[in-house]
Amino acid sequence: QVQLVESGGGLVQPGGSLILSCAAASGNIRSINALGWWSQAPGHWRELVAAVDNGGSTLYSDIARGRFTISRDNAKNTMTLQMNSLKPEDTAVYYCNEYGKPADSWGQGTQVTVSS
């Protein structure tokens, strides 16, 4: 089983950018056809932000489309989420996981805070 670990979050001003990384602490992400990023803001359900499959096909939520870019590098065993034009409402904990199947568990996530 592939264990995924999120990193790259932090405090950023509105309009700023961040790059989130999802690395395989064990196993190889190539074995996972589709990977995704989810966000969970305080008091809200966890929701999908973006996903990418081994063929490079991507999908984005309405809030992410045009501002975020998801990519994966199987050779480096990582997936990234480039986040641009960040807004205060993007503040959340971001998680990565396999997309398309019920999750057995979730990692600790990485906190993104957008504030001036």
PDB file of N, CA and C in Angstrom:
ATOM      1  N   GLN A   1       0.839  -1.183   0.000  1.00  0.00           N
ATOM      2  CA  GLN A   1       0.000   0.000   0.000  1.00  0.00           C
ATOM      3  C   GLN A   1       0.883   1.245   0.000  1.00  0.00           C
ATOM      4  N   VAL A   2       0.492   2.242  -0.791  1.00  0.00           N
ATOM      5  CA  VAL A   2       1.278   3.461  -0.891  1.00  0.00           C
ATOM      6  C   VAL A   2       0.862   4.424   0.211  1.00  0.00           C
ATOM      7  N   GLN A   3       1.832   4.887   0.977  1.00  0.00           N
ATOM      8  CA  GLN A   3       1.565   5.874   2.019  1.00  0.00           C
ATOM      9  C   GLN A   3       1.932   7.247   1.474  1.00  0.00           C
ATOM     10  N   LEU A   4       0.982   8.181   1.510  1.00  0.00           N
ATOM     11  CA  LEU A   4       1.180   9.507   0.946  1.00  0.00           C
ATOM     12  C   LEU A   4       1.335  10.537   2.049  1.00  0.00           C
ATOM     13  N   VAL A   5       2.230  11.500   1.847  1.00  0.00           N
ATOM     14  CA  VAL A   5       2.495  12.544   2.830  1.00  0.00           C
ATOM     15  C   VAL A   5       2.432  13.899   2.139  1.00  0.00           C
ATOM     16  N   GLU A   6       1.631  14.802   2.719  1.00  0.00           N
ATOM     17  CA  GLU A   6       1.457  16.137   2.145  1.00  0.00           C
ATOM     18  C   GLU A   6       2.432  17.130   2.783  1.00  0.00           C
ATOM     19  N   SER A   7       2.852  18.115   1.990  1.00  0.00           N
ATOM     20  CA  SER A   7       3.711  19.176   2.504  1.00  0.00           C
ATOM     21  C   SER A   7       3.563  20.408   1.616  1.00  0.00           C
ATOM     22  N   GLY A   8       4.137  21.506   2.084  1.00  0.00           N
ATOM     23  CA  GLY A   8       4.179  22.710   1.267  1.00  0.00           C
ATOM     24  C   GLY A   8       3.217  23.811   1.668  1.00  0.00           C
ATOM     25  N   GLY A   9       2.346  23.534   2.619  1.00  0.00           N
ATOM     26  CA  GLY A   9       1.408  24.560   3.049  1.00  0.00           C
ATOM     27  C   GLY A   9       2.100  25.677   3.805  1.00  0.00           C
ATOM     28  N   GLY A  10       1.330  26.701   4.125  1.00  0.00           N
ATOM     29  CA  GLY A  10       1.883  27.822   4.863  1.00  0.00           C
ATOM     30  C   GLY A  10       0.951  29.004   4.845  1.00  0.00           C
ATOM     31  N   LEU A  11       1.477  30.122   5.309  1.00  0.00           N
ATOM     32  CA  LEU A  11       0.727  31.375   5.331  1.00  0.00           C
ATOM     33  C   LEU A  11       1.128  32.194   4.110  1.00  0.00           C
ATOM     34  N   VAL A  12       0.140  32.659   3.378  1.00  0.00           N
ATOM     35  CA  VAL A  12       0.404  33.441   2.173  1.00  0.00           C
ATOM     36  C   VAL A  12      -0.621  34.564   2.088  1.00  0.00           C
ATOM     37  N   GLN A  13      -0.224  35.669   1.514  1.00  0.00           N
ATOM     38  CA  GLN A  13      -1.139  36.793   1.349  1.00  0.00           C
ATOM     39  C   GLN A  13      -2.094  36.553   0.181  1.00  0.00           C
ATOM     40  N   PRO A  14      -3.259  37.167   0.220  1.00  0.00           N
ATOM     41  CA  PRO A  14      -4.176  37.052  -0.938  1.00  0.00           C
ATOM     42  C   PRO A  14      -3.474  37.446  -2.228  1.00  0.00           C
ATOM     43  N   GLY A  15      -3.723  36.654  -3.254  1.00  0.00           N
ATOM     44  CA  GLY A  15      -3.060  36.868  -4.530  1.00  0.00           C
ATOM     45  C   GLY A  15      -1.751  36.119  -4.676  1.00  0.00           C
ATOM     46  N   GLY A  16      -1.284  35.545  -3.587  1.00  0.00           N
ATOM     47  CA  GLY A  16      -0.018  34.826  -3.609  1.00  0.00           C
ATOM     48  C   GLY A  16      -0.140  33.418  -4.157  1.00  0.00           C
ATOM     49  N   SER A  17       0.976  32.701  -4.107  1.00  0.00           N
ATOM     50  CA  SER A  17       1.042  31.349  -4.659  1.00  0.00           C
ATOM     51  C   SER A  17       1.689  30.390  -3.670  1.00  0.00           C
ATOM     52  N   LEU A  18       1.347  29.132  -3.808  1.00  0.00           N
ATOM     53  CA  LEU A  18       1.964  28.051  -3.047  1.00  0.00           C
ATOM     54  C   LEU A  18       2.035  26.821  -3.936  1.00  0.00           C
ATOM     55  N   ILE A  19       3.009  25.977  -3.643  1.00  0.00           N
ATOM     56  CA  ILE A  19       3.078  24.680  -4.310  1.00  0.00           C
ATOM     57  C   ILE A  19       2.990  23.602  -3.240  1.00  0.00           C
ATOM     58  N   LEU A  20       1.938  22.798  -3.318  1.00  0.00           N
ATOM     59  CA  LEU A  20       1.774  21.677  -2.399  1.00  0.00           C
ATOM     60  C   LEU A  20       2.377  20.427  -3.029  1.00  0.00           C
ATOM     61  N   SER A  21       2.954  19.610  -2.197  1.00  0.00           N
ATOM     62  CA  SER A  21       3.558  18.375  -2.662  1.00  0.00           C
ATOM     63  C   SER A  21       2.953  17.177  -1.948  1.00  0.00           C
ATOM     64  N   CYS A  22       2.760  16.112  -2.684  1.00  0.00           N
ATOM     65  CA  CYS A  22       2.279  14.849  -2.143  1.00  0.00           C
ATOM     66  C   CYS A  22       3.307  13.804  -2.535  1.00  0.00           C
ATOM     67  N   ALA A  23       4.013  13.299  -1.541  1.00  0.00           N
ATOM     68  CA  ALA A  23       5.082  12.343  -1.803  1.00  0.00           C
ATOM     69  C   ALA A  23       4.723  10.980  -1.245  1.00  0.00           C
ATOM     70  N   ALA A  24       5.218   9.948  -1.888  1.00  0.00           N
ATOM     71  CA  ALA A  24       5.006   8.589  -1.400  1.00  0.00           C
ATOM     72  C   ALA A  24       6.084   8.259  -0.382  1.00  0.00           C
ATOM     73  N   ALA A  25       5.686   8.104   0.865  1.00  0.00           N
ATOM     74  CA  ALA A  25       6.629   7.730   1.913  1.00  0.00           C
ATOM     75  C   ALA A  25       6.995   6.249   1.808  1.00  0.00           C
ATOM     76  N   SER A  26       6.103   5.488   1.220  1.00  0.00           N
ATOM     77  CA  SER A  26       6.364   4.083   0.946  1.00  0.00           C
ATOM     78  C   SER A  26       5.566   3.703  -0.285  1.00  0.00           C
ATOM     79  N   GLY A  27       6.101   2.776  -1.056  1.00  0.00           N
ATOM     80  CA  GLY A  27       5.418   2.357  -2.267  1.00  0.00           C
ATOM     81  C   GLY A  27       5.669   3.307  -3.420  1.00  0.00           C
ATOM     82  N   ASN A  28       4.980   3.089  -4.513  1.00  0.00           N
ATOM     83  CA  ASN A  28       5.182   3.860  -5.732  1.00  0.00           C
ATOM     84  C   ASN A  28       3.841   4.394  -6.230  1.00  0.00           C
ATOM     85  N   ILE A  29       3.783   5.708  -6.460  1.00  0.00           N
ATOM     86  CA  ILE A  29       2.502   6.304  -6.863  1.00  0.00           C
ATOM     87  C   ILE A  29       2.075   5.815  -8.243  1.00  0.00           C
ATOM     88  N   ARG A  30       3.007   5.228  -8.988  1.00  0.00           N
ATOM     89  CA  ARG A  30       2.640   4.725 -10.320  1.00  0.00           C
ATOM     90  C   ARG A  30       1.559   3.654 -10.206  1.00  0.00           C
ATOM     91  N   SER A  31       1.528   2.989  -9.056  1.00  0.00           N
ATOM     92  CA  SER A  31       0.539   1.926  -8.855  1.00  0.00           C
ATOM     93  C   SER A  31      -0.873   2.474  -8.623  1.00  0.00           C
ATOM     94  N   ILE A  32      -0.973   3.787  -8.421  1.00  0.00           N
ATOM     95  CA  ILE A  32      -2.271   4.436  -8.219  1.00  0.00           C
ATOM     96  C   ILE A  32      -2.652   5.157  -9.501  1.00  0.00           C
ATOM     97  N   ASN A  33      -3.709   4.710 -10.153  1.00  0.00           N
ATOM     98  CA  ASN A  33      -4.069   5.294 -11.438  1.00  0.00           C
ATOM     99  C   ASN A  33      -4.415   6.766 -11.325  1.00  0.00           C
ATOM    100  N   ALA A  34      -5.265   7.105 -10.356  1.00  0.00           N
ATOM    101  CA  ALA A  34      -5.694   8.496 -10.230  1.00  0.00           C
ATOM    102  C   ALA A  34      -5.449   8.993  -8.819  1.00  0.00           C
ATOM    103  N   LEU A  35      -4.849  10.161  -8.731  1.00  0.00           N
ATOM    104  CA  LEU A  35      -4.563  10.815  -7.455  1.00  0.00           C
ATOM    105  C   LEU A  35      -5.284  12.154  -7.400  1.00  0.00           C
ATOM    106  N   GLY A  36      -5.625  12.556  -6.204  1.00  0.00           N
ATOM    107  CA  GLY A  36      -6.334  13.832  -6.085  1.00  0.00           C
ATOM    108  C   GLY A  36      -5.907  14.628  -4.879  1.00  0.00           C
ATOM    109  N   TRP A  37      -6.287  15.906  -4.910  1.00  0.00           N
ATOM    110  CA  TRP A  37      -6.134  16.807  -3.774  1.00  0.00           C
ATOM    111  C   TRP A  37      -7.529  17.191  -3.280  1.00  0.00           C
ATOM    112  N   TRP A  38      -7.674  17.174  -1.975  1.00  0.00           N
ATOM    113  CA  TRP A  38      -8.908  17.601  -1.348  1.00  0.00           C
ATOM    114  C   TRP A  38      -8.603  18.736  -0.366  1.00  0.00           C
ATOM    115  N   SER A  39      -9.606  19.555  -0.109  1.00  0.00           N
ATOM    116  CA  SER A  39      -9.459  20.596   0.908  1.00  0.00           C
ATOM    117  C   SER A  39     -10.586  20.466   1.927  1.00  0.00           C
ATOM    118  N   GLN A  40     -10.258  20.825   3.147  1.00  0.00           N
ATOM    119  CA  GLN A  40     -11.266  20.835   4.203  1.00  0.00           C
ATOM    120  C   GLN A  40     -11.092  22.078   5.044  1.00  0.00           C
ATOM    121  N   ALA A  41     -12.045  22.990   4.934  1.00  0.00           N
ATOM    122  CA  ALA A  41     -12.032  24.208   5.729  1.00  0.00           C
ATOM    123  C   ALA A  41     -12.765  23.952   7.044  1.00  0.00           C
ATOM    124  N   PRO A  42     -12.473  24.709   8.062  1.00  0.00           N
ATOM    125  CA  PRO A  42     -13.149  24.518   9.348  1.00  0.00           C
ATOM    126  C   PRO A  42     -14.667  24.555   9.187  1.00  0.00           C
ATOM    127  N   GLY A  43     -15.333  23.547   9.739  1.00  0.00           N
ATOM    128  CA  GLY A  43     -16.780  23.493   9.686  1.00  0.00           C
ATOM    129  C   GLY A  43     -17.351  23.038   8.360  1.00  0.00           C
ATOM    130  N   HIS A  44     -16.490  22.599   7.456  1.00  0.00           N
ATOM    131  CA  HIS A  44     -16.946  22.171   6.139  1.00  0.00           C
ATOM    132  C   HIS A  44     -16.539  20.731   5.879  1.00  0.00           C
ATOM    133  N   TRP A  45     -17.246  20.107   4.938  1.00  0.00           N
ATOM    134  CA  TRP A  45     -16.874  18.776   4.506  1.00  0.00           C
ATOM    135  C   TRP A  45     -15.604  18.844   3.653  1.00  0.00           C
ATOM    136  N   ARG A  46     -14.893  17.743   3.619  1.00  0.00           N
ATOM    137  CA  ARG A  46     -13.761  17.631   2.729  1.00  0.00           C
ATOM    138  C   ARG A  46     -14.268  17.591   1.288  1.00  0.00           C
ATOM    139  N   GLU A  47     -13.659  18.365   0.407  1.00  0.00           N
ATOM    140  CA  GLU A  47     -14.122  18.401  -0.971  1.00  0.00           C
ATOM    141  C   GLU A  47     -12.955  18.299  -1.950  1.00  0.00           C
ATOM    142  N   LEU A  48     -13.247  17.714  -3.077  1.00  0.00           N
ATOM    143  CA  LEU A  48     -12.214  17.505  -4.094  1.00  0.00           C
ATOM    144  C   LEU A  48     -11.812  18.842  -4.710  1.00  0.00           C
ATOM    145  N   VAL A  49     -10.510  19.017  -4.871  1.00  0.00           N
ATOM    146  CA  VAL A  49      -9.974  20.205  -5.529  1.00  0.00           C
ATOM    147  C   VAL A  49      -9.572  19.881  -6.967  1.00  0.00           C
ATOM    148  N   ALA A  50      -8.808  18.807  -7.122  1.00  0.00           N
ATOM    149  CA  ALA A  50      -8.324  18.428  -8.446  1.00  0.00           C
ATOM    150  C   ALA A  50      -7.857  16.986  -8.415  1.00  0.00           C
ATOM    151  N   ALA A  51      -7.782  16.373  -9.595  1.00  0.00           N
ATOM    152  CA  ALA A  51      -7.296  15.003  -9.704  1.00  0.00           C
ATOM    153  C   ALA A  51      -6.532  14.848 -11.012  1.00  0.00           C
ATOM    154  N   VAL A  52      -5.639  13.866 -11.014  1.00  0.00           N
ATOM    155  CA  VAL A  52      -4.838  13.582 -12.214  1.00  0.00           C
ATOM    156  C   VAL A  52      -4.616  12.079 -12.285  1.00  0.00           C
ATOM    157  N   ASP A  53      -4.676  11.524 -13.516  1.00  0.00           N
ATOM    158  CA  ASP A  53      -4.440  10.086 -13.649  1.00  0.00           C
ATOM    159  C   ASP A  53      -3.072   9.827 -14.275  1.00  0.00           C
ATOM    160  N   ASN A  54      -2.730   8.563 -14.413  1.00  0.00           N
ATOM    161  CA  ASN A  54      -1.411   8.197 -14.924  1.00  0.00           C
ATOM    162  C   ASN A  54      -1.201   8.653 -16.368  1.00  0.00           C
ATOM    163  N   GLY A  55      -2.291   8.882 -17.079  1.00  0.00           N
ATOM    164  CA  GLY A  55      -2.180   9.367 -18.452  1.00  0.00           C
ATOM    165  C   GLY A  55      -2.052  10.865 -18.557  1.00  0.00           C
ATOM    166  N   GLY A  56      -2.151  11.541 -17.411  1.00  0.00           N
ATOM    167  CA  GLY A  56      -2.039  12.997 -17.401  1.00  0.00           C
ATOM    168  C   GLY A  56      -3.359  13.729 -17.521  1.00  0.00           C
ATOM    169  N   SER A  57      -4.447  12.995 -17.620  1.00  0.00           N
ATOM    170  CA  SER A  57      -5.759  13.649 -17.670  1.00  0.00           C
ATOM    171  C   SER A  57      -6.071  14.245 -16.314  1.00  0.00           C
ATOM    172  N   THR A  58      -6.642  15.441 -16.340  1.00  0.00           N
ATOM    173  CA  THR A  58      -6.909  16.160 -15.100  1.00  0.00           C
ATOM    174  C   THR A  58      -8.364  16.589 -15.013  1.00  0.00           C
ATOM    175  N   LEU A  59      -8.791  16.822 -13.793  1.00  0.00           N
ATOM    176  CA  LEU A  59     -10.083  17.446 -13.582  1.00  0.00           C
ATOM    177  C   LEU A  59      -9.946  18.395 -12.408  1.00  0.00           C
ATOM    178  N   TYR A  60     -10.747  19.445 -12.442  1.00  0.00           N
ATOM    179  CA  TYR A  60     -10.678  20.488 -11.428  1.00  0.00           C
ATOM    180  C   TYR A  60     -12.070  20.846 -10.938  1.00  0.00           C
ATOM    181  N   SER A  61     -12.133  21.218  -9.669  1.00  0.00           N
ATOM    182  CA  SER A  61     -13.366  21.768  -9.147  1.00  0.00           C
ATOM    183  C   SER A  61     -13.544  23.176  -9.719  1.00  0.00           C
ATOM    184  N   ASP A  62     -14.728  23.693  -9.602  1.00  0.00           N
ATOM    185  CA  ASP A  62     -14.985  25.031 -10.119  1.00  0.00           C
ATOM    186  C   ASP A  62     -14.107  26.079  -9.452  1.00  0.00           C
ATOM    187  N   ILE A  63     -13.828  25.884  -8.147  1.00  0.00           N
ATOM    188  CA  ILE A  63     -13.032  26.897  -7.445  1.00  0.00           C
ATOM    189  C   ILE A  63     -11.568  26.827  -7.818  1.00  0.00           C
ATOM    190  N   ALA A  64     -11.125  25.683  -8.328  1.00  0.00           N
ATOM    191  CA  ALA A  64      -9.711  25.509  -8.648  1.00  0.00           C
ATOM    192  C   ALA A  64      -9.398  25.798 -10.105  1.00  0.00           C
ATOM    193  N   ARG A  65     -10.370  25.583 -10.961  1.00  0.00           N
ATOM    194  CA  ARG A  65     -10.128  25.720 -12.404  1.00  0.00           C
ATOM    195  C   ARG A  65      -9.663  27.127 -12.743  1.00  0.00           C
ATOM    196  N   GLY A  66      -8.560  27.190 -13.465  1.00  0.00           N
ATOM    197  CA  GLY A  66      -8.024  28.476 -13.868  1.00  0.00           C
ATOM    198  C   GLY A  66      -7.023  29.064 -12.901  1.00  0.00           C
ATOM    199  N   ARG A  67      -6.989  28.570 -11.674  1.00  0.00           N
ATOM    200  CA  ARG A  67      -6.046  29.100 -10.688  1.00  0.00           C
ATOM    201  C   ARG A  67      -5.047  28.047 -10.209  1.00  0.00           C
ATOM    202  N   PHE A  68      -5.473  26.793 -10.156  1.00  0.00           N
ATOM    203  CA  PHE A  68      -4.628  25.709  -9.650  1.00  0.00           C
ATOM    204  C   PHE A  68      -4.237  24.784 -10.794  1.00  0.00           C
ATOM    205  N   THR A  69      -3.061  24.184 -10.659  1.00  0.00           N
ATOM    206  CA  THR A  69      -2.602  23.203 -11.637  1.00  0.00           C
ATOM    207  C   THR A  69      -2.098  21.970 -10.906  1.00  0.00           C
ATOM    208  N   ILE A  70      -2.673  20.828 -11.253  1.00  0.00           N
ATOM    209  CA  ILE A  70      -2.249  19.568 -10.644  1.00  0.00           C
ATOM    210  C   ILE A  70      -1.336  18.835 -11.613  1.00  0.00           C
ATOM    211  N   SER A  71      -0.326  18.189 -11.095  1.00  0.00           N
ATOM    212  CA  SER A  71       0.567  17.404 -11.940  1.00  0.00           C
ATOM    213  C   SER A  71       1.160  16.282 -11.105  1.00  0.00           C
ATOM    214  N   ARG A  72       1.701  15.295 -11.779  1.00  0.00           N
ATOM    215  CA  ARG A  72       2.357  14.197 -11.092  1.00  0.00           C
ATOM    216  C   ARG A  72       3.615  13.824 -11.842  1.00  0.00           C
ATOM    217  N   ASP A  73       4.600  13.362 -11.101  1.00  0.00           N
ATOM    218  CA  ASP A  73       5.855  12.892 -11.668  1.00  0.00           C
ATOM    219  C   ASP A  73       6.110  11.514 -11.065  1.00  0.00           C
ATOM    220  N   ASN A  74       5.734  10.479 -11.793  1.00  0.00           N
ATOM    221  CA  ASN A  74       5.878   9.122 -11.264  1.00  0.00           C
ATOM    222  C   ASN A  74       7.343   8.769 -11.021  1.00  0.00           C
ATOM    223  N   ALA A  75       8.234   9.322 -11.814  1.00  0.00           N
ATOM    224  CA  ALA A  75       9.657   9.033 -11.633  1.00  0.00           C
ATOM    225  C   ALA A  75      10.165   9.572 -10.309  1.00  0.00           C
ATOM    226  N   LYS A  76       9.602  10.715  -9.893  1.00  0.00           N
ATOM    227  CA  LYS A  76       9.994  11.307  -8.608  1.00  0.00           C
ATOM    228  C   LYS A  76       9.063  10.884  -7.485  1.00  0.00           C
ATOM    229  N   ASN A  77       8.054  10.087  -7.841  1.00  0.00           N
ATOM    230  CA  ASN A  77       7.129   9.582  -6.834  1.00  0.00           C
ATOM    231  C   ASN A  77       6.375  10.698  -6.113  1.00  0.00           C
ATOM    232  N   THR A  78       6.021  11.740  -6.853  1.00  0.00           N
ATOM    233  CA  THR A  78       5.345  12.879  -6.238  1.00  0.00           C
ATOM    234  C   THR A  78       4.221  13.407  -7.119  1.00  0.00           C
ATOM    235  N   MET A  79       3.317  14.109  -6.468  1.00  0.00           N
ATOM    236  CA  MET A  79       2.258  14.837  -7.139  1.00  0.00           C
ATOM    237  C   MET A  79       2.274  16.249  -6.554  1.00  0.00           C
ATOM    238  N   THR A  80       1.999  17.236  -7.354  1.00  0.00           N
ATOM    239  CA  THR A  80       2.021  18.608  -6.849  1.00  0.00           C
ATOM    240  C   THR A  80       0.730  19.332  -7.207  1.00  0.00           C
ATOM    241  N   LEU A  81       0.466  20.375  -6.452  1.00  0.00           N
ATOM    242  CA  LEU A  81      -0.647  21.272  -6.736  1.00  0.00           C
ATOM    243  C   LEU A  81      -0.104  22.690  -6.702  1.00  0.00           C
ATOM    244  N   GLN A  82       0.002  23.298  -7.867  1.00  0.00           N
ATOM    245  CA  GLN A  82       0.420  24.690  -7.971  1.00  0.00           C
ATOM    246  C   GLN A  82      -0.807  25.551  -7.762  1.00  0.00           C
ATOM    247  N   MET A  83      -0.757  26.389  -6.743  1.00  0.00           N
ATOM    248  CA  MET A  83      -1.904  27.212  -6.375  1.00  0.00           C
ATOM    249  C   MET A  83      -1.549  28.678  -6.595  1.00  0.00           C
ATOM    250  N   ASN A  84      -2.253  29.325  -7.493  1.00  0.00           N
ATOM    251  CA  ASN A  84      -2.018  30.744  -7.794  1.00  0.00           C
ATOM    252  C   ASN A  84      -3.256  31.568  -7.451  1.00  0.00           C
ATOM    253  N   SER A  85      -3.039  32.859  -7.374  1.00  0.00           N
ATOM    254  CA  SER A  85      -4.147  33.794  -7.113  1.00  0.00           C
ATOM    255  C   SER A  85      -4.971  33.350  -5.918  1.00  0.00           C
ATOM    256  N   LEU A  86      -4.287  33.013  -4.861  1.00  0.00           N
ATOM    257  CA  LEU A  86      -4.964  32.473  -3.682  1.00  0.00           C
ATOM    258  C   LEU A  86      -5.882  33.497  -3.042  1.00  0.00           C
ATOM    259  N   LYS A  87      -6.980  32.994  -2.505  1.00  0.00           N
ATOM    260  CA  LYS A  87      -8.001  33.822  -1.865  1.00  0.00           C
ATOM    261  C   LYS A  87      -8.172  33.385  -0.422  1.00  0.00           C
ATOM    262  N   PRO A  88      -8.663  34.268   0.433  1.00  0.00           N
ATOM    263  CA  PRO A  88      -8.893  33.849   1.826  1.00  0.00           C
ATOM    264  C   PRO A  88      -9.776  32.614   1.938  1.00  0.00           C
ATOM    265  N   GLU A  89     -10.715  32.462   1.026  1.00  0.00           N
ATOM    266  CA  GLU A  89     -11.593  31.285   1.078  1.00  0.00           C
ATOM    267  C   GLU A  89     -10.900  29.989   0.681  1.00  0.00           C
ATOM    268  N   ASP A  90      -9.663  30.064   0.213  1.00  0.00           N
ATOM    269  CA  ASP A  90      -8.883  28.856  -0.050  1.00  0.00           C
ATOM    270  C   ASP A  90      -8.260  28.305   1.235  1.00  0.00           C
ATOM    271  N   THR A  91      -8.378  29.044   2.315  1.00  0.00           N
ATOM    272  CA  THR A  91      -7.826  28.595   3.587  1.00  0.00           C
ATOM    273  C   THR A  91      -8.462  27.273   3.997  1.00  0.00           C
ATOM    274  N   ALA A  92      -7.617  26.274   4.203  1.00  0.00           N
ATOM    275  CA  ALA A  92      -8.100  24.927   4.513  1.00  0.00           C
ATOM    276  C   ALA A  92      -6.900  24.021   4.765  1.00  0.00           C
ATOM    277  N   VAL A  93      -7.194  22.828   5.234  1.00  0.00           N
ATOM    278  CA  VAL A  93      -6.186  21.768   5.250  1.00  0.00           C
ATOM    279  C   VAL A  93      -6.341  20.998   3.944  1.00  0.00           C
ATOM    280  N   TYR A  94      -5.225  20.776   3.268  1.00  0.00           N
ATOM    281  CA  TYR A  94      -5.238  20.100   1.973  1.00  0.00           C
ATOM    282  C   TYR A  94      -4.667  18.688   2.130  1.00  0.00           C
ATOM    283  N   TYR A  95      -5.361  17.736   1.549  1.00  0.00           N
ATOM    284  CA  TYR A  95      -5.000  16.329   1.629  1.00  0.00           C
ATOM    285  C   TYR A  95      -4.825  15.745   0.231  1.00  0.00           C
ATOM    286  N   CYS A  96      -3.948  14.772   0.123  1.00  0.00           N
ATOM    287  CA  CYS A  96      -3.864  14.012  -1.119  1.00  0.00           C
ATOM    288  C   CYS A  96      -4.241  12.568  -0.825  1.00  0.00           C
ATOM    289  N   ASN A  97      -4.772  11.918  -1.848  1.00  0.00           N
ATOM    290  CA  ASN A  97      -5.211  10.543  -1.683  1.00  0.00           C
ATOM    291  C   ASN A  97      -5.537   9.982  -3.052  1.00  0.00           C
ATOM    292  N   GLU A  98      -5.801   8.695  -3.077  1.00  0.00           N
ATOM    293  CA  GLU A  98      -6.228   8.074  -4.312  1.00  0.00           C
ATOM    294  C   GLU A  98      -7.596   8.621  -4.683  1.00  0.00           C
ATOM    295  N   TYR A  99      -7.798   8.888  -5.960  1.00  0.00           N
ATOM    296  CA  TYR A  99      -9.071   9.414  -6.444  1.00  0.00           C
ATOM    297  C   TYR A  99      -9.856   8.296  -7.110  1.00  0.00           C
ATOM    298  N   GLY A 100     -11.158   8.264  -6.816  1.00  0.00           N
ATOM    299  CA  GLY A 100     -12.025   7.307  -7.492  1.00  0.00           C
ATOM    300  C   GLY A 100     -12.380   6.091  -6.681  1.00  0.00           C
ATOM    301  N   LYS A 101     -11.769   5.966  -5.503  1.00  0.00           N
ATOM    302  CA  LYS A 101     -12.087   4.853  -4.615  1.00  0.00           C
ATOM    303  C   LYS A 101     -12.288   5.374  -3.199  1.00  0.00           C
ATOM    304  N   PRO A 102     -13.149   4.724  -2.432  1.00  0.00           N
ATOM    305  CA  PRO A 102     -13.312   5.169  -1.034  1.00  0.00           C
ATOM    306  C   PRO A 102     -11.984   5.102  -0.304  1.00  0.00           C
ATOM    307  N   ALA A 103     -11.677   6.144   0.434  1.00  0.00           N
ATOM    308  CA  ALA A 103     -10.395   6.206   1.125  1.00  0.00           C
ATOM    309  C   ALA A 103     -10.419   5.364   2.394  1.00  0.00           C
ATOM    310  N   ASP A 104      -9.392   4.539   2.565  1.00  0.00           N
ATOM    311  CA  ASP A 104      -9.260   3.781   3.806  1.00  0.00           C
ATOM    312  C   ASP A 104      -8.847   4.686   4.958  1.00  0.00           C
ATOM    313  N   SER A 105      -8.027   5.659   4.666  1.00  0.00           N
ATOM    314  CA  SER A 105      -7.534   6.580   5.686  1.00  0.00           C
ATOM    315  C   SER A 105      -7.053   7.845   5.003  1.00  0.00           C
ATOM    316  N   TRP A 106      -6.814   8.856   5.813  1.00  0.00           N
ATOM    317  CA  TRP A 106      -6.307  10.130   5.326  1.00  0.00           C
ATOM    318  C   TRP A 106      -5.044  10.492   6.097  1.00  0.00           C
ATOM    319  N   GLY A 107      -4.143  11.190   5.439  1.00  0.00           N
ATOM    320  CA  GLY A 107      -2.953  11.673   6.109  1.00  0.00           C
ATOM    321  C   GLY A 107      -3.255  12.893   6.954  1.00  0.00           C
ATOM    322  N   GLN A 108      -2.209  13.525   7.451  1.00  0.00           N
ATOM    323  CA  GLN A 108      -2.397  14.693   8.307  1.00  0.00           C
ATOM    324  C   GLN A 108      -2.721  15.947   7.516  1.00  0.00           C
ATOM    325  N   GLY A 109      -2.417  15.938   6.253  1.00  0.00           N
ATOM    326  CA  GLY A 109      -2.691  17.102   5.438  1.00  0.00           C
ATOM    327  C   GLY A 109      -1.672  18.208   5.655  1.00  0.00           C
ATOM    328  N   THR A 110      -1.838  19.267   4.905  1.00  0.00           N
ATOM    329  CA  THR A 110      -0.973  20.435   5.056  1.00  0.00           C
ATOM    330  C   THR A 110      -1.857  21.686   5.080  1.00  0.00           C
ATOM    331  N   GLN A 111      -1.595  22.544   6.058  1.00  0.00           N
ATOM    332  CA  GLN A 111      -2.442  23.705   6.277  1.00  0.00           C
ATOM    333  C   GLN A 111      -2.064  24.833   5.319  1.00  0.00           C
ATOM    334  N   VAL A 112      -3.062  25.372   4.646  1.00  0.00           N
ATOM    335  CA  VAL A 112      -2.883  26.560   3.806  1.00  0.00           C
ATOM    336  C   VAL A 112      -3.730  27.676   4.414  1.00  0.00           C
ATOM    337  N   THR A 113      -3.093  28.779   4.718  1.00  0.00           N
ATOM    338  CA  THR A 113      -3.797  29.931   5.277  1.00  0.00           C
ATOM    339  C   THR A 113      -3.537  31.137   4.387  1.00  0.00           C
ATOM    340  N   VAL A 114      -4.610  31.714   3.878  1.00  0.00           N
ATOM    341  CA  VAL A 114      -4.500  32.882   3.016  1.00  0.00           C
ATOM    342  C   VAL A 114      -5.048  34.079   3.779  1.00  0.00           C
ATOM    343  N   SER A 115      -4.152  34.965   4.155  1.00  0.00           N
ATOM    344  CA  SER A 115      -4.550  36.096   4.986  1.00  0.00           C
ATOM    345  C   SER A 115      -3.545  37.225   4.843  1.00  0.00           C
ATOM    346  N   SER A 116      -4.030  38.428   4.953  1.00  0.00           N
ATOM    347  CA  SER A 116      -3.132  39.584   4.944  1.00  0.00           C
ATOM    348  C   SER A 116      -2.753  39.967   6.371  1.00  0.00           C
TER     349      SER A 116
END
